[in-house]
Protein backbone atom coordinates (compact mmCIF):
# COMPACT_ATOMS: atom_id res chain seq x y z
CA MET A 1 62.81 97.84 90.52
CA PRO A 2 64.04 100.37 87.91
CA ILE A 3 66.99 101.16 90.18
CA CYS A 4 68.85 97.97 89.33
CA GLU A 5 70.62 96.83 92.48
CA ALA A 6 72.30 93.42 92.65
CA ASP A 7 73.06 93.52 96.38
CA PRO A 8 69.94 92.92 98.50
CA TRP A 9 71.46 94.71 101.50
CA ARG A 10 71.36 97.97 99.50
CA MET A 11 67.74 97.72 98.38
CA GLN A 12 66.80 99.48 101.63
CA TYR A 13 67.83 102.81 100.08
CA PHE A 14 65.42 102.56 97.14
CA GLU A 15 62.37 100.69 98.40
CA GLY A 16 59.12 102.64 98.49
CA ILE A 17 60.37 105.50 96.29
CA PRO A 18 58.36 105.83 93.04
CA CYS A 19 60.34 105.40 89.83
CA PRO A 20 58.90 105.32 86.28
CA PRO A 21 58.89 101.72 85.00
CA ASP A 22 60.73 102.67 81.80
CA VAL A 23 63.67 104.27 83.65
CA ASN A 24 66.60 102.03 84.49
CA ILE A 25 69.28 103.36 86.84
CA PRO A 26 72.47 101.31 87.12
CA THR A 27 74.28 100.61 90.36
CA GLU A 28 76.38 97.81 88.84
CA ASP A 29 79.11 98.26 86.26
CA GLY A 30 77.83 95.33 84.22
CA ASP A 31 74.45 97.00 83.70
CA ALA A 32 76.09 100.32 82.84
CA TRP A 33 78.34 98.55 80.31
CA ALA A 34 75.28 97.08 78.55
CA TRP A 35 73.08 100.19 78.68
CA TYR A 36 75.67 102.78 77.63
CA PRO A 37 77.72 101.07 74.89
CA GLN A 38 79.04 104.37 73.53
CA TYR A 39 80.68 105.13 76.88
CA LYS A 40 81.73 101.66 78.04
CA TRP A 41 85.33 102.39 77.00
CA ILE A 42 85.80 104.15 80.34
CA TYR A 43 86.10 100.73 82.01
CA ASN A 44 89.40 100.31 80.14
CA LYS A 45 91.86 101.53 82.78
CA LEU A 46 94.69 101.76 80.26
CA MET A 47 92.62 104.24 78.24
CA ILE A 48 91.85 106.21 81.40
CA ALA A 49 95.57 106.56 82.14
CA GLU A 50 96.36 107.43 78.49
CA SER A 51 93.63 110.07 78.46
CA GLN A 52 95.58 111.90 81.20
CA ASN A 53 98.98 111.46 79.49
CA LEU A 54 100.22 109.28 82.35
CA PRO A 55 103.08 106.92 81.46
CA CYS A 56 101.52 103.46 81.14
CA ALA A 57 101.50 100.31 79.03
CA PRO A 58 100.24 96.73 78.97
CA HIS A 59 102.39 94.05 80.55
CA GLY A 60 104.98 92.95 78.03
CA LEU A 61 106.18 96.52 77.51
CA ASP A 62 108.71 97.16 80.26
CA PRO A 63 108.51 100.25 82.49
CA SER A 64 111.49 102.60 82.44
CA PHE A 65 111.06 103.42 86.15
CA PHE A 66 110.03 101.76 89.39
CA PRO A 67 108.02 101.38 91.50
CA VAL A 68 104.93 101.08 89.31
CA PHE A 69 101.36 100.10 90.06
CA SER A 70 100.09 97.02 88.23
CA LYS A 71 96.43 96.09 87.75
CA PRO A 72 94.05 94.40 85.29
CA ILE A 73 93.15 96.61 82.33
CA TYR A 74 89.54 95.48 82.83
CA ASN A 75 88.16 94.34 86.15
CA MET A 76 84.37 94.37 86.07
CA ARG A 77 84.12 92.37 89.27
CA GLY A 78 85.95 95.06 91.20
CA MET A 79 87.56 95.24 94.62
CA GLY A 80 91.06 95.75 93.22
CA ALA A 81 91.61 92.03 92.59
CA GLY A 82 94.96 91.38 90.93
CA SER A 83 96.41 94.83 91.71
CA ARG A 84 99.86 95.23 93.26
CA VAL A 85 102.93 97.44 93.53
CA LEU A 86 105.95 96.26 91.50
CA ARG A 87 109.23 97.62 92.85
CA SER A 88 111.83 96.32 90.41
CA LEU A 89 112.29 94.99 86.90
CA LYS A 90 112.97 91.53 88.35
CA GLU A 91 109.67 91.57 90.25
CA TYR A 92 107.86 92.89 87.19
CA LYS A 93 109.23 90.10 84.99
CA HIS A 94 108.23 87.49 87.55
CA LEU A 95 104.67 88.82 87.84
CA GLU A 96 103.88 89.76 84.23
CA ARG A 97 100.29 88.77 83.43
CA PRO A 98 98.24 88.85 80.22
CA GLY A 99 95.58 91.56 80.36
CA HIS A 100 97.39 93.61 83.03
CA MET A 101 98.92 97.07 82.80
CA TRP A 102 101.31 99.29 84.71
CA MET A 103 101.17 102.98 85.55
CA PRO A 104 102.83 105.34 88.05
CA LEU A 105 102.40 104.60 91.74
CA LEU A 106 100.37 107.68 92.62
CA GLN A 107 100.63 109.40 95.98
CA GLY A 108 98.00 111.34 97.90
CA ASP A 109 94.44 110.93 99.10
CA HIS A 110 92.33 108.17 97.59
CA VAL A 111 89.01 109.91 96.90
CA SER A 112 85.73 108.53 95.60
CA SER A 113 83.65 111.26 93.92
CA ASP A 114 80.04 110.97 92.79
CA VAL A 115 78.94 113.43 90.11
CA ALA A 116 75.52 114.20 88.63
CA VAL A 117 76.10 114.93 84.94
CA VAL A 118 73.74 116.57 82.42
CA LYS A 119 74.94 116.38 78.80
CA GLY A 120 78.55 116.16 79.87
CA GLU A 121 78.31 119.04 82.35
CA PRO A 122 78.82 118.27 86.07
CA THR A 123 75.97 119.72 88.15
CA TRP A 124 76.54 118.17 91.61
CA TRP A 125 79.57 116.69 93.41
CA ARG A 126 80.14 114.72 96.59
CA HIS A 127 83.47 113.34 97.74
CA ALA A 128 84.49 110.58 100.15
CA ILE A 129 87.96 109.81 101.52
CA GLY A 130 88.94 106.41 102.84
CA LYS A 131 91.34 105.64 105.68
CA PRO A 132 93.41 102.77 104.24
CA LEU A 133 94.49 99.54 105.87
CA ASP A 134 96.69 96.77 104.50
CA GLY A 135 95.35 94.20 102.05
CA GLY A 136 93.24 96.53 99.92
CA MET A 137 90.97 97.46 102.83
CA PHE A 138 89.85 100.77 104.35
CA ASP A 139 89.02 101.33 107.99
CA TYR A 140 86.21 103.75 107.17
CA TRP A 141 85.17 106.37 104.63
CA THR A 142 84.31 109.97 105.41
CA VAL A 143 81.62 111.38 103.13
CA LEU A 144 82.72 114.98 103.09
CA ALA A 145 80.44 117.98 103.25
CA ALA A 146 83.06 120.33 101.79
CA PRO A 147 83.74 120.68 98.05
CA ASN A 148 87.07 119.67 96.50
CA PRO A 149 87.91 122.35 93.93
CA THR A 150 91.03 120.55 92.68
CA ILE A 151 89.19 117.33 91.83
CA GLU A 152 86.12 119.15 90.55
CA THR A 153 88.18 121.26 88.15
CA TYR A 154 90.37 118.39 86.91
CA CYS A 155 87.61 115.77 86.59
CA GLY A 156 85.10 118.33 85.30
CA ASP A 157 87.42 119.23 82.44
CA TRP A 158 87.95 115.52 81.74
CA LEU A 159 84.18 114.98 81.65
CA ARG A 160 83.61 117.80 79.17
CA ARG A 161 86.30 116.41 76.85
CA HIS A 162 85.35 112.75 76.95
CA LEU A 163 81.65 112.39 77.92
CA ALA A 164 80.09 115.41 76.25
CA GLY A 165 76.76 113.72 75.53
CA TYR A 166 76.34 111.74 78.74
CA THR A 167 73.55 112.32 81.26
CA GLY A 168 73.49 110.32 84.49
CA MET A 169 75.74 109.59 87.46
CA ILE A 170 79.50 109.18 87.25
CA ASN A 171 81.84 107.91 89.95
CA PHE A 172 85.51 108.91 89.82
CA GLU A 173 88.23 107.28 91.87
CA THR A 174 91.29 109.49 92.16
CA ILE A 175 94.64 109.34 93.92
CA GLY A 176 96.51 112.60 94.34
CA GLY A 177 93.99 114.26 92.03
CA LYS A 178 94.64 111.85 89.11
CA ILE A 179 91.90 109.55 87.83
CA ILE A 180 92.48 105.83 88.36
CA GLU A 181 88.96 104.55 87.59
CA VAL A 182 85.66 105.86 86.21
CA HIS A 183 82.25 104.20 86.65
CA LEU A 184 78.93 104.92 84.92
CA ARG A 185 77.09 104.83 88.25
CA PHE A 186 77.16 106.24 91.78
CA ALA A 187 78.65 104.69 94.93
CA ASP A 188 75.70 102.75 96.32
CA GLN A 189 77.41 102.14 99.68
CA TRP A 190 76.28 105.45 101.21
CA PRO A 191 73.44 107.23 99.32
CA ASP A 192 71.61 107.65 102.63
CA LEU A 193 74.43 109.98 103.74
CA TYR A 194 73.76 112.39 100.86
CA GLY A 195 70.59 113.68 102.50
CA THR A 196 66.83 113.47 102.35
CA GLY A 197 65.47 113.61 98.82
CA TRP A 198 68.68 112.54 97.09
CA ILE A 199 67.19 109.34 95.65
CA GLU A 200 64.24 111.31 94.25
CA SER A 201 66.72 113.68 92.59
CA LEU A 202 68.61 110.69 91.19
CA ILE A 203 65.42 109.34 89.61
CA ARG A 204 64.58 112.76 88.13
CA LEU A 205 68.05 112.91 86.57
CA TYR A 206 67.50 109.68 84.66
CA ALA A 207 63.81 110.25 83.95
CA GLU A 208 63.91 113.92 82.88
CA GLY A 209 67.58 114.75 82.34
CA LYS A 210 67.46 117.40 85.10
CA TRP A 211 69.28 117.76 88.42
CA GLN A 212 67.50 119.44 91.33
CA PHE A 213 68.51 118.79 94.92
CA ASP A 214 68.23 120.87 98.09
CA GLU A 215 71.53 120.67 99.97
CA SER A 216 70.81 123.26 102.63
CA HIS A 217 71.35 120.58 105.32
CA ARG A 218 74.48 119.00 103.84
CA GLN A 219 76.74 117.44 106.49
CA GLU A 220 79.55 114.94 106.83
CA GLY A 221 78.85 111.25 107.26
CA TYR A 222 80.85 108.09 107.84
CA SER A 223 80.75 104.60 106.37
CA VAL A 224 82.40 102.20 108.82
CA VAL A 225 82.96 98.64 107.61
CA LEU A 226 83.56 95.42 109.50
CA PHE A 227 85.83 92.72 108.06
CA GLY A 228 86.52 89.17 109.17
CA ALA A 229 89.11 86.64 108.12
CA HIS A 230 88.92 84.77 104.84
CA GLY A 231 88.08 81.06 104.81
CA VAL A 232 85.22 81.22 107.31
CA HIS A 233 81.58 80.51 106.51
CA TYR A 234 79.77 83.32 108.32
CA GLN A 235 76.07 83.52 109.04
CA HIS A 236 74.04 86.71 109.33
CA PRO A 237 73.47 87.94 112.87
CA PRO A 238 69.88 87.78 114.16
CA GLN A 239 67.70 90.37 112.48
CA GLU A 240 66.51 91.71 115.84
CA VAL A 241 70.13 92.53 116.70
CA VAL A 242 70.61 94.40 113.43
CA ASP A 243 67.31 96.25 113.88
CA ARG A 244 68.20 97.30 117.41
CA LEU A 245 71.60 98.61 116.37
CA ARG A 246 70.07 100.36 113.38
CA HIS A 247 67.99 102.49 115.75
CA THR A 248 71.09 103.75 117.59
CA PRO A 249 71.14 107.58 117.47
CA HIS A 250 73.22 108.93 114.56
CA VAL A 251 73.12 105.59 112.66
CA SER A 252 71.38 105.89 109.29
CA SER A 253 71.75 102.31 107.97
CA ILE A 254 73.38 98.93 108.51
CA GLN A 255 74.25 96.58 105.67
CA ILE A 256 75.14 92.89 106.13
CA THR A 257 77.25 92.61 103.03
CA PHE A 258 77.43 88.96 102.00
CA HIS A 259 75.20 86.08 100.92
CA GLU A 260 75.23 83.49 103.68
CA GLU A 261 74.05 80.77 101.29
CA LYS A 262 77.07 81.27 98.99
CA PRO A 263 80.55 79.86 99.67
CA PRO A 264 82.93 82.59 100.86
CA LYS A 265 85.20 82.05 97.84
CA ASP A 266 82.35 83.05 95.51
CA HIS A 267 82.29 86.59 96.90
CA SER A 268 84.47 89.34 95.45
CA MET A 269 86.52 90.61 98.38
CA PRO A 270 89.88 92.35 98.86
CA PRO A 271 92.82 90.12 99.80
CA GLY A 272 93.03 91.49 103.35
CA GLY A 273 89.63 90.36 104.61
CA PHE A 274 86.01 89.31 104.08
CA ARG A 275 83.54 92.20 104.31
CA LEU A 276 80.81 91.42 106.83
CA ALA A 277 78.92 94.63 107.48
CA ILE A 278 78.80 98.38 106.90
CA VAL A 279 77.54 100.99 109.36
CA ASN A 280 76.57 104.36 107.86
CA CYS A 281 76.34 107.09 110.47
CA ARG A 282 76.71 110.79 111.28
CA ASP A 283 79.02 110.28 114.26
CA LEU A 284 82.25 108.33 113.82
CA GLU A 285 82.62 107.11 117.41
CA THR A 286 79.07 105.77 117.28
CA GLY A 287 79.96 103.93 114.08
CA PHE A 288 82.94 102.29 115.78
CA GLU A 289 80.82 101.24 118.77
CA VAL A 290 78.13 99.70 116.57
CA ARG A 291 80.80 97.92 114.51
CA GLU A 292 82.18 96.32 117.70
CA LYS A 293 78.73 95.10 118.70
CA LEU A 294 78.20 93.63 115.24
CA ALA A 295 81.58 91.89 115.49
CA LEU A 296 80.48 90.20 118.72
CA SER A 297 77.31 88.98 117.04
CA PHE A 298 79.36 87.36 114.26
CA TRP A 299 81.50 85.47 116.76
CA SER A 300 78.39 83.54 117.79
CA THR A 301 77.33 82.64 114.24
CA HIS A 302 80.48 81.82 112.22
CA GLN A 303 81.24 78.30 111.02
CA PHE A 304 84.75 77.14 110.18
CA GLN A 305 85.65 75.81 106.77
CA PRO A 306 87.53 72.50 106.56
CA ASN A 307 91.22 72.69 107.51
CA ARG A 308 90.78 75.92 109.43
CA ALA A 309 92.05 75.50 112.97
CA THR A 310 91.95 79.04 114.36
CA PRO A 311 89.06 81.46 114.89
CA PRO A 312 88.69 84.46 112.58
CA LYS A 313 90.30 87.74 113.41
CA ILE A 314 87.67 90.45 113.17
CA LEU A 315 89.17 93.32 111.20
CA PRO A 316 87.96 96.82 110.50
CA GLU A 317 86.70 97.72 107.11
CA SER A 318 87.24 97.86 103.41
CA ALA A 319 85.81 99.99 100.72
CA PRO A 320 82.75 99.72 98.74
CA GLU A 321 82.21 100.71 96.17
CA LEU A 322 85.73 100.61 95.72
CA ARG A 323 84.20 97.73 94.21
């Protein structure tokens, strides 16, 4: 499969769509790192902050203000592991870590933006906003139909300065309009919500260096995610249950987002919960209803790990792709 997808629950978006055998399209940061060595520097979050003239430094160089946001300079496994707010010099000194950095604690919407880029020029944008929960999770994401001129101007200028020769997809994560992460890929949690023909346009971008996509039917979508407690060995719900829920009106896809044969600790998850499933849909209330039905199906299949005495609390969502 030239669209190189590590998560089997996302192969459903790409199966059956012709792609030239010599065209490789990354959905994982590790593949993008290997295939685009001249641009892999963008995974250095300290360089991303410096490129915007934001005050920042590696741990070991004390901030002059608090609170600050601390995170690993590199985190190819994603999901915000190791990130935290530090509210005082005492707390900072206690939690200093090699390979970590600090930067301002940004305020505002946390937006994930996918961009089709041709030779450093943005040619298509789509933005998603998450509703946050505690523990690094998000209740759901809204894939917006409307443009975001502020982000498109700011990130577009950044692209032209720093990725002038790049052709392919870029994903920006921004808070309050400032860039916190850049990825040499798209957000593979919700490509079905971009519209019919989007995957074909993606393939053409990588195969021919052109972007052509009919967006006359562009509309909002929602990616609603189900989380359970950590420390529980879950099993997938019966496939017939998933298939039945998938055919609910306004639902475009359902992903069961973990490997049941792997120990829970071997999955990369946010600290607040273990991601079980994602419902992509065009109607938010329908997404919530399907999430509740999926939650009930997991109650009948989970297995407790040793030394766990209480049943899992089923929680709403966390983000993808925020990886």
